[in-house]
Amino acid sequence: MATSSPESMPERVFEFRAPPPSPIASGRRSSVTNDEFLSEFLERSLRVPDLVLPDKIFPKQKIVETPPRIDLSSLNSAKDVGSINSKIILDSIARIGCFQLVNHGISGGKISSTLGLAAEIFGVPPEKKAAVTRVPEKLFGFEEVHSGEECGLSEEFVWCNDESLKLDMEGIWPAGYSKFSEKMKSLSSDMENFAEKILQVIWGKNLNKQVYQNELLQRQEFTGTICHLYKHNCNISADQRATSLRYDVIRTLIRGIEHSHALCLHICNGSSEFHVYSKKDWITFLPDKDSIIVTVGDQIQTVSGGQYKHVIGRPLFKDEEEDCISMAFLYSPTVTNNYSCRSTEEGKTISVAKQAIAAIIFTLIYQFLVYIYKNL
């Protein structure tokens, strides 16, 4: 058998397909040129561009006359849309979303005493306020100030005739909350009566109650009246106060309304100005002394197809020596006779155990009747 020697075997040539090595820059001058080019490129890339932000971040101010003053006593006879006061109200809420209610019959002493007790609520120590701070599960209580927000300019407390809120507040303010709550119930009842009269004027004979009730059931989380109480601190400059007010309005417009409502009735005795904001524009005016300012809510805007505009109202206090309190009552008409400020209760259900017991009872009754029938 023939064998081949290593010398006689053909040589195998291996071909490598790797790319050739990159050329190495040689010379001092080329390296310096590359460094300058790279530095210039990085400088252009890392440069922050000049951003031109829009000027109209906040709604533009609209110059209008002072909202009309409506005497409450005149609403008692304003049953039809054709009355003069009805036309004034409808025109005002269509243009600017608000009007002033005067001669409403609530005494200044009643309002002052309620505001005085409201001021004591904000005097509760912070550690106790934490126990009644609003959370997604609780609609009422103290509003929490988040980091990054304007702090110290104003405080907010949301009240409603709610049993759980009453128990929580009596736990941290046992001496005065019961008295305060009773006064708030009385004042809230007055506001509901005013709002019902105003709604009769706004809708008149054109009110489709069934459509409105369906809209309420879809939109509102509560029925009745909720009151937002605001404490306006006095040791704040006018510029800071205006900035904080605009911040609050922008946040509300972006976040959306928290509580769906038909009307909002504002008590802000002593305010220097009152601002009314919509998504397109805003107005400012000097409210009449002891007047109640009525603004349109989202429910009316929706049901009216946008004919009556939803606005946000905020009072502004200037050059005050003491802290001031304002109140905003959010009113939603009741869909049924029985309502509470809490979320609308779901239909009552019968448990499976009770259903089983009922089935057994009906079966026994049936068997008993069959037995009697056969033995007759």
Protein backbone atom coordinates (compact mmCIF):
# COMPACT_ATOMS: atom_id res chain seq x y z
CA MET A 1 0.00 0.00 0.00
CA ALA A 2 1.42 3.31 -1.09
CA THR A 3 1.83 6.03 1.42
CA SER A 4 2.35 9.71 0.72
CA SER A 5 4.90 11.70 2.53
CA PRO A 6 4.14 15.11 4.06
CA GLU A 7 6.32 16.68 1.42
CA SER A 8 4.15 15.35 -1.41
CA MET A 9 0.79 16.67 -0.04
CA PRO A 10 -0.47 19.88 -1.74
CA GLU A 11 -0.38 23.03 0.30
CA ARG A 12 -3.77 24.49 1.42
CA VAL A 13 -4.13 28.24 1.21
CA PHE A 14 -6.63 29.76 3.74
CA GLU A 15 -8.38 32.92 2.55
CA PHE A 16 -9.46 35.43 5.23
CA ARG A 17 -12.44 37.67 4.37
CA ALA A 18 -11.88 40.16 7.18
CA PRO A 19 -11.57 43.80 6.06
CA PRO A 20 -8.16 45.35 6.02
CA PRO A 21 -7.14 47.23 9.14
CA SER A 22 -8.06 50.89 9.35
CA PRO A 23 -5.26 53.22 8.43
CA ILE A 24 -3.55 54.76 11.39
CA ALA A 25 -3.21 58.50 11.14
CA SER A 26 0.37 59.43 11.11
CA GLY A 27 1.72 62.80 11.87
CA ARG A 28 0.97 65.35 14.57
CA ARG A 29 -0.87 67.77 12.30
CA SER A 30 -3.60 65.29 11.23
CA SER A 31 -4.44 64.36 14.84
CA VAL A 32 -4.88 67.99 15.81
CA THR A 33 -7.20 68.60 12.85
CA ASN A 34 -9.40 65.65 13.81
CA ASP A 35 -9.63 66.82 17.41
CA GLU A 36 -10.73 70.30 16.35
CA PHE A 37 -13.36 68.88 14.01
CA LEU A 38 -14.70 66.56 16.73
CA SER A 39 -14.80 69.36 19.30
CA GLU A 40 -16.70 71.63 16.93
CA PHE A 41 -19.18 68.87 16.13
CA LEU A 42 -19.81 68.12 19.81
CA GLU A 43 -20.23 71.79 20.61
CA ARG A 44 -22.89 72.21 17.92
CA SER A 45 -24.68 69.01 18.95
CA LEU A 46 -24.83 69.82 22.66
CA ARG A 47 -25.99 73.39 22.17
CA VAL A 48 -29.57 73.94 23.46
CA PRO A 49 -31.71 75.43 20.69
CA ASP A 50 -33.47 78.72 21.25
CA LEU A 51 -37.09 77.82 21.99
CA VAL A 52 -39.81 80.34 21.25
CA LEU A 53 -42.73 79.63 23.56
CA PRO A 54 -46.23 80.88 22.72
CA ASP A 55 -47.21 84.13 24.38
CA LYS A 56 -50.81 83.10 25.07
CA ILE A 57 -50.33 80.33 27.59
CA PHE A 58 -53.04 81.86 29.78
CA PRO A 59 -56.48 82.78 28.40
CA LYS A 60 -56.64 86.34 27.18
CA GLN A 61 -58.44 88.94 29.26
CA LYS A 62 -61.76 90.10 27.91
CA ILE A 63 -62.92 93.59 28.75
CA VAL A 64 -66.63 93.64 29.60
CA GLU A 65 -68.91 95.55 31.86
CA THR A 66 -69.75 94.40 35.38
CA PRO A 67 -72.07 91.36 35.32
CA PRO A 68 -75.73 92.26 35.80
CA ARG A 69 -77.29 92.43 39.26
CA ILE A 70 -80.38 90.29 39.66
CA ASP A 71 -82.76 90.85 42.56
CA LEU A 72 -83.72 87.49 44.03
CA SER A 73 -87.26 88.64 44.77
CA SER A 74 -87.80 89.21 41.06
CA LEU A 75 -87.08 85.54 40.35
CA ASN A 76 -90.17 84.49 42.30
CA SER A 77 -92.33 85.90 39.53
CA ALA A 78 -89.97 85.05 36.67
CA LYS A 79 -91.62 81.79 35.70
CA ASP A 80 -91.38 82.19 31.94
CA VAL A 81 -88.36 82.74 29.75
CA GLY A 82 -89.93 85.87 28.32
CA SER A 83 -89.55 87.96 31.48
CA ILE A 84 -87.02 90.78 31.55
CA ASN A 85 -84.87 89.33 34.32
CA SER A 86 -84.86 85.94 32.62
CA LYS A 87 -83.58 87.51 29.41
CA ILE A 88 -80.86 89.35 31.34
CA ILE A 89 -79.75 86.15 33.07
CA LEU A 90 -79.75 84.10 29.87
CA ASP A 91 -77.83 86.76 27.97
CA SER A 92 -75.22 87.11 30.73
CA ILE A 93 -74.52 83.41 31.17
CA ALA A 94 -74.32 82.97 27.40
CA ARG A 95 -71.71 85.75 27.10
CA ILE A 96 -69.63 85.52 30.27
CA GLY A 97 -71.09 82.61 32.24
CA CYS A 98 -72.04 84.50 35.41
CA PHE A 99 -74.18 87.17 37.08
CA GLN A 100 -74.64 88.70 40.56
CA LEU A 101 -77.48 87.86 42.93
CA VAL A 102 -78.47 90.74 45.24
CA ASN A 103 -81.14 91.20 47.91
CA HIS A 104 -81.01 87.48 48.56
CA GLY A 105 -82.29 87.76 52.12
CA ILE A 106 -79.38 86.09 53.94
CA SER A 107 -78.33 88.34 56.79
CA GLY A 108 -74.77 89.57 57.04
CA GLY A 109 -74.58 88.22 60.58
CA LYS A 110 -75.39 84.70 59.44
CA ILE A 111 -72.68 84.77 56.80
CA SER A 112 -70.13 86.41 59.11
CA SER A 113 -70.65 83.88 61.90
CA THR A 114 -70.27 80.99 59.45
CA LEU A 115 -67.10 82.49 57.98
CA GLY A 116 -65.75 83.00 61.50
CA LEU A 117 -66.18 79.33 62.35
CA ALA A 118 -64.73 78.38 58.98
CA ALA A 119 -61.57 80.31 59.84
CA GLU A 120 -61.15 78.13 62.93
CA ILE A 121 -61.07 75.00 60.78
CA PHE A 122 -57.85 76.15 59.15
CA GLY A 123 -56.36 76.65 62.62
CA VAL A 124 -56.33 72.90 63.23
CA PRO A 125 -52.70 71.69 63.67
CA PRO A 126 -51.13 70.17 60.52
CA GLU A 127 -50.63 66.77 62.14
CA LYS A 128 -54.39 66.57 62.82
CA LYS A 129 -55.27 67.81 59.34
CA ALA A 130 -53.41 64.84 57.91
CA ALA A 131 -56.10 62.53 59.30
CA VAL A 132 -58.78 64.32 57.24
CA THR A 133 -56.78 64.98 54.09
CA ARG A 134 -58.57 64.33 50.82
CA VAL A 135 -57.66 61.15 48.95
CA PRO A 136 -59.29 59.42 45.96
CA GLU A 137 -61.48 57.43 48.35
CA LYS A 138 -62.55 60.58 50.24
CA LEU A 139 -64.11 63.48 48.38
CA PHE A 140 -64.13 65.78 51.38
CA GLY A 141 -61.61 67.22 53.83
CA PHE A 142 -58.43 69.28 53.65
CA GLU A 143 -56.74 69.70 50.29
CA GLU A 144 -53.18 68.40 50.31
CA VAL A 145 -50.44 70.74 49.08
CA HIS A 146 -48.06 68.83 46.83
CA SER A 147 -44.40 69.60 46.44
CA GLY A 148 -43.72 72.12 43.72
CA GLU A 149 -47.03 73.94 44.17
CA GLU A 150 -47.43 77.42 45.52
CA CYS A 151 -47.46 76.86 49.26
CA GLY A 152 -48.75 79.19 51.93
CA LEU A 153 -50.77 81.42 49.62
CA SER A 154 -54.13 79.77 50.27
CA GLU A 155 -55.66 76.72 51.92
CA GLU A 156 -58.72 74.72 50.96
CA PHE A 157 -61.28 72.61 52.79
CA VAL A 158 -64.10 70.73 51.04
CA TRP A 159 -67.28 70.35 53.10
CA CYS A 160 -70.43 68.33 52.61
CA ASN A 161 -73.20 67.06 54.85
CA ASP A 162 -71.51 63.68 55.07
CA GLU A 163 -71.57 61.45 58.13
CA SER A 164 -68.04 60.07 57.72
CA LEU A 165 -66.62 63.59 57.35
CA LYS A 166 -68.49 64.62 60.48
CA LEU A 167 -67.01 61.75 62.48
CA ASP A 168 -63.48 62.49 61.22
CA MET A 169 -63.72 66.22 61.94
CA GLU A 170 -65.24 65.74 65.39
CA GLY A 171 -62.25 63.55 66.16
CA ILE A 172 -59.79 66.39 65.50
CA TRP A 173 -62.01 69.39 66.33
CA PRO A 174 -64.61 68.20 68.85
CA ALA A 175 -65.29 71.63 70.32
CA GLY A 176 -66.51 73.46 67.24
CA TYR A 177 -67.25 71.25 64.26
CA SER A 178 -70.82 70.36 65.21
CA LYS A 179 -71.76 74.04 65.49
CA PHE A 180 -69.96 74.84 62.24
CA SER A 181 -71.65 71.96 60.44
CA GLU A 182 -75.11 73.10 61.55
CA LYS A 183 -74.47 76.60 60.22
CA MET A 184 -73.17 75.16 56.96
CA LYS A 185 -76.29 73.00 56.59
CA SER A 186 -78.50 76.06 56.99
CA LEU A 187 -76.44 78.14 54.55
CA SER A 188 -76.26 75.26 52.09
CA SER A 189 -80.05 74.91 52.20
CA ASP A 190 -80.39 78.60 51.30
CA MET A 191 -78.02 78.14 48.37
CA GLU A 192 -79.97 75.14 47.10
CA ASN A 193 -83.20 77.16 47.16
CA PHE A 194 -81.53 79.97 45.19
CA ALA A 195 -80.07 77.53 42.68
CA GLU A 196 -83.42 75.83 42.08
CA LYS A 197 -85.05 79.18 41.30
CA ILE A 198 -82.21 80.09 38.95
CA LEU A 199 -82.46 76.76 37.14
CA GLN A 200 -86.18 77.33 36.59
CA VAL A 201 -85.34 80.63 34.94
CA ILE A 202 -82.49 79.22 32.85
CA TRP A 203 -84.47 76.32 31.44
CA GLY A 204 -88.05 77.50 31.74
CA LYS A 205 -90.45 75.50 29.63
CA ASN A 206 -87.62 74.22 27.43
CA LEU A 207 -86.21 71.98 30.15
CA ASN A 208 -86.29 68.34 29.12
CA LYS A 209 -86.19 66.77 32.57
CA GLN A 210 -85.66 63.23 31.30
CA VAL A 211 -82.62 64.22 29.20
CA TYR A 212 -81.22 66.26 32.06
CA GLN A 213 -81.66 63.43 34.56
CA ASN A 214 -79.94 60.98 32.22
CA GLU A 215 -77.06 63.42 31.87
CA LEU A 216 -76.77 63.78 35.64
CA LEU A 217 -76.69 60.03 36.17
CA GLN A 218 -73.84 59.70 33.68
CA ARG A 219 -71.70 62.61 34.87
CA GLN A 220 -72.10 63.34 38.57
CA GLU A 221 -70.53 61.46 41.43
CA PHE A 222 -72.82 63.04 43.97
CA THR A 223 -76.11 64.88 44.26
CA GLY A 224 -76.73 67.84 46.49
CA THR A 225 -74.30 70.58 47.43
CA ILE A 226 -70.58 70.60 48.11
CA CYS A 227 -68.82 73.66 49.49
CA HIS A 228 -65.19 74.59 48.85
CA LEU A 229 -63.87 76.87 51.59
CA TYR A 230 -60.74 78.89 50.86
CA LYS A 231 -58.47 80.69 53.29
CA HIS A 232 -56.66 83.58 51.60
CA ASN A 233 -53.53 84.52 53.53
CA CYS A 234 -52.94 88.23 54.01
CA ASN A 235 -49.12 88.25 54.21
CA ILE A 236 -48.79 87.81 50.46
CA SER A 237 -47.96 90.43 47.87
CA ALA A 238 -50.47 91.24 45.15
CA ASP A 239 -48.20 89.80 42.45
CA GLN A 240 -47.76 86.53 44.33
CA ARG A 241 -51.48 86.30 44.90
CA ALA A 242 -52.29 86.87 41.24
CA THR A 243 -49.64 84.36 40.16
CA SER A 244 -50.98 81.76 42.56
CA LEU A 245 -54.52 82.38 41.33
CA ARG A 246 -53.53 81.89 37.72
CA TYR A 247 -51.57 78.76 38.61
CA ASP A 248 -54.65 77.33 40.30
CA VAL A 249 -56.86 78.14 37.31
CA ILE A 250 -54.43 76.68 34.76
CA ARG A 251 -54.15 73.52 36.84
CA THR A 252 -57.94 73.27 37.00
CA LEU A 253 -58.36 73.84 33.27
CA ILE A 254 -55.74 71.20 32.44
CA ARG A 255 -56.84 68.66 35.04
CA GLY A 256 -60.53 69.25 34.45
CA ILE A 257 -63.23 69.96 36.99
CA GLU A 258 -63.17 67.77 40.05
CA HIS A 259 -66.86 67.86 40.91
CA SER A 260 -69.43 67.98 38.15
CA HIS A 261 -72.11 70.59 38.95
CA ALA A 262 -74.85 72.72 37.44
CA LEU A 263 -74.25 76.01 39.25
CA CYS A 264 -71.67 77.45 41.62
CA LEU A 265 -72.66 80.15 44.11
CA HIS A 266 -69.78 82.20 45.52
CA ILE A 267 -69.72 84.08 48.83
CA CYS A 268 -66.66 86.33 48.96
CA ASN A 269 -67.50 89.33 51.11
CA GLY A 270 -64.78 91.96 51.02
CA SER A 271 -63.03 90.71 47.90
CA SER A 272 -61.24 93.37 45.90
CA GLU A 273 -61.82 91.64 42.58
CA PHE A 274 -63.56 88.61 41.18
CA HIS A 275 -62.10 86.72 38.24
CA VAL A 276 -64.12 84.52 35.89
CA TYR A 277 -62.14 82.13 33.70
CA SER A 278 -63.03 80.03 30.69
CA LYS A 279 -60.76 78.13 28.32
CA LYS A 280 -60.79 81.02 25.84
CA ASP A 281 -60.76 84.19 27.94
CA TRP A 282 -61.29 85.69 31.39
CA ILE A 283 -62.85 88.77 32.93
CA THR A 284 -62.37 90.66 36.17
CA PHE A 285 -64.78 92.95 37.99
CA LEU A 286 -65.52 94.46 41.41
CA PRO A 287 -68.43 92.55 42.94
CA ASP A 288 -71.19 94.33 44.80
CA LYS A 289 -71.04 94.22 48.57
CA ASP A 290 -72.94 91.26 50.06
CA SER A 291 -73.78 89.90 46.60
CA ILE A 292 -73.67 86.21 45.68
CA ILE A 293 -71.91 85.53 42.40
CA VAL A 294 -73.42 82.73 40.33
CA THR A 295 -71.31 80.91 37.74
CA VAL A 296 -72.37 78.23 35.25
CA GLY A 297 -71.20 74.64 35.72
CA ASP A 298 -70.33 71.90 33.27
CA GLN A 299 -73.72 70.19 33.49
CA ILE A 300 -75.59 73.20 32.11
CA GLN A 301 -73.01 73.71 29.36
CA THR A 302 -73.33 70.07 28.28
CA VAL A 303 -77.12 69.88 28.36
CA SER A 304 -77.46 73.25 26.58
CA GLY A 305 -75.12 72.11 23.81
CA GLY A 306 -72.57 74.80 24.66
CA GLN A 307 -75.06 77.68 24.54
CA TYR A 308 -74.29 78.54 28.17
CA LYS A 309 -70.58 78.48 28.94
CA HIS A 310 -68.97 76.74 31.91
CA VAL A 311 -66.60 79.06 33.79
CA ILE A 312 -64.41 79.01 36.90
CA GLY A 313 -64.80 81.81 39.44
CA ARG A 314 -62.12 82.93 41.90
CA PRO A 315 -62.11 85.92 44.31
CA LEU A 316 -59.03 88.05 44.82
CA PHE A 317 -58.32 89.87 48.10
CA LYS A 318 -55.86 92.77 48.19
CA ASP A 319 -54.40 94.89 50.98
CA GLU A 320 -56.16 92.95 53.72
CA GLU A 321 -54.81 93.06 57.27
CA GLU A 322 -56.33 89.70 58.22
CA ASP A 323 -56.76 86.38 56.46
CA CYS A 324 -59.98 86.16 54.47
CA ILE A 325 -62.37 83.27 53.90
CA SER A 326 -64.45 82.65 50.79
CA MET A 327 -66.94 79.90 49.98
CA ALA A 328 -68.02 78.30 46.71
CA PHE A 329 -71.17 76.13 46.80
CA LEU A 330 -71.33 73.58 43.97
CA TYR A 331 -74.93 72.65 43.33
CA SER A 332 -76.24 69.60 41.47
CA PRO A 333 -79.99 69.05 41.22
CA THR A 334 -81.33 65.85 42.68
CA VAL A 335 -82.36 63.12 40.28
CA THR A 336 -84.53 61.35 42.85
CA ASN A 337 -86.26 62.52 45.98
CA ASN A 338 -83.77 60.85 48.30
CA TYR A 339 -80.13 61.81 47.92
CA SER A 340 -76.97 62.24 49.86
CA CYS A 341 -73.68 63.99 49.16
CA ARG A 342 -71.91 60.72 48.83
CA SER A 343 -71.70 58.80 45.62
CA THR A 344 -75.06 57.62 44.32
CA GLU A 345 -75.84 54.35 46.00
CA GLU A 346 -75.98 51.32 43.78
CA GLY A 347 -79.15 49.25 43.62
CA LYS A 348 -79.56 47.00 46.62
CA THR A 349 -78.83 43.33 45.87
CA ILE A 350 -80.07 40.20 47.64
CA SER A 351 -77.36 37.81 48.76
CA VAL A 352 -77.20 34.21 47.52
CA ALA A 353 -77.91 32.87 51.02
CA LYS A 354 -81.11 34.90 51.28
CA GLN A 355 -82.16 33.76 47.82
CA ALA A 356 -81.63 30.11 48.84
CA ILE A 357 -83.69 30.58 52.01
CA ALA A 358 -86.48 32.20 50.01
CA ALA A 359 -86.43 29.32 47.51
CA ILE A 360 -86.70 26.76 50.33
CA ILE A 361 -89.60 28.63 51.92
CA PHE A 362 -91.48 28.86 48.62
CA THR A 363 -90.86 25.14 48.00
CA LEU A 364 -92.26 24.19 51.41
CA ILE A 365 -95.29 26.39 50.90
CA TYR A 366 -95.88 24.80 47.51
CA GLN A 367 -95.59 21.27 48.94
CA PHE A 368 -97.96 22.17 51.77
CA LEU A 369 -100.56 23.55 49.36
CA VAL A 370 -100.28 20.47 47.15
CA TYR A 371 -100.76 18.21 50.19
CA ILE A 372 -103.86 20.09 51.29
CA TYR A 373 -105.29 20.02 47.76
CA LYS A 374 -104.85 16.23 47.48
CA ASN A 375 -106.52 15.56 50.82
CA LEU A 376 -109.58 17.66 50.15
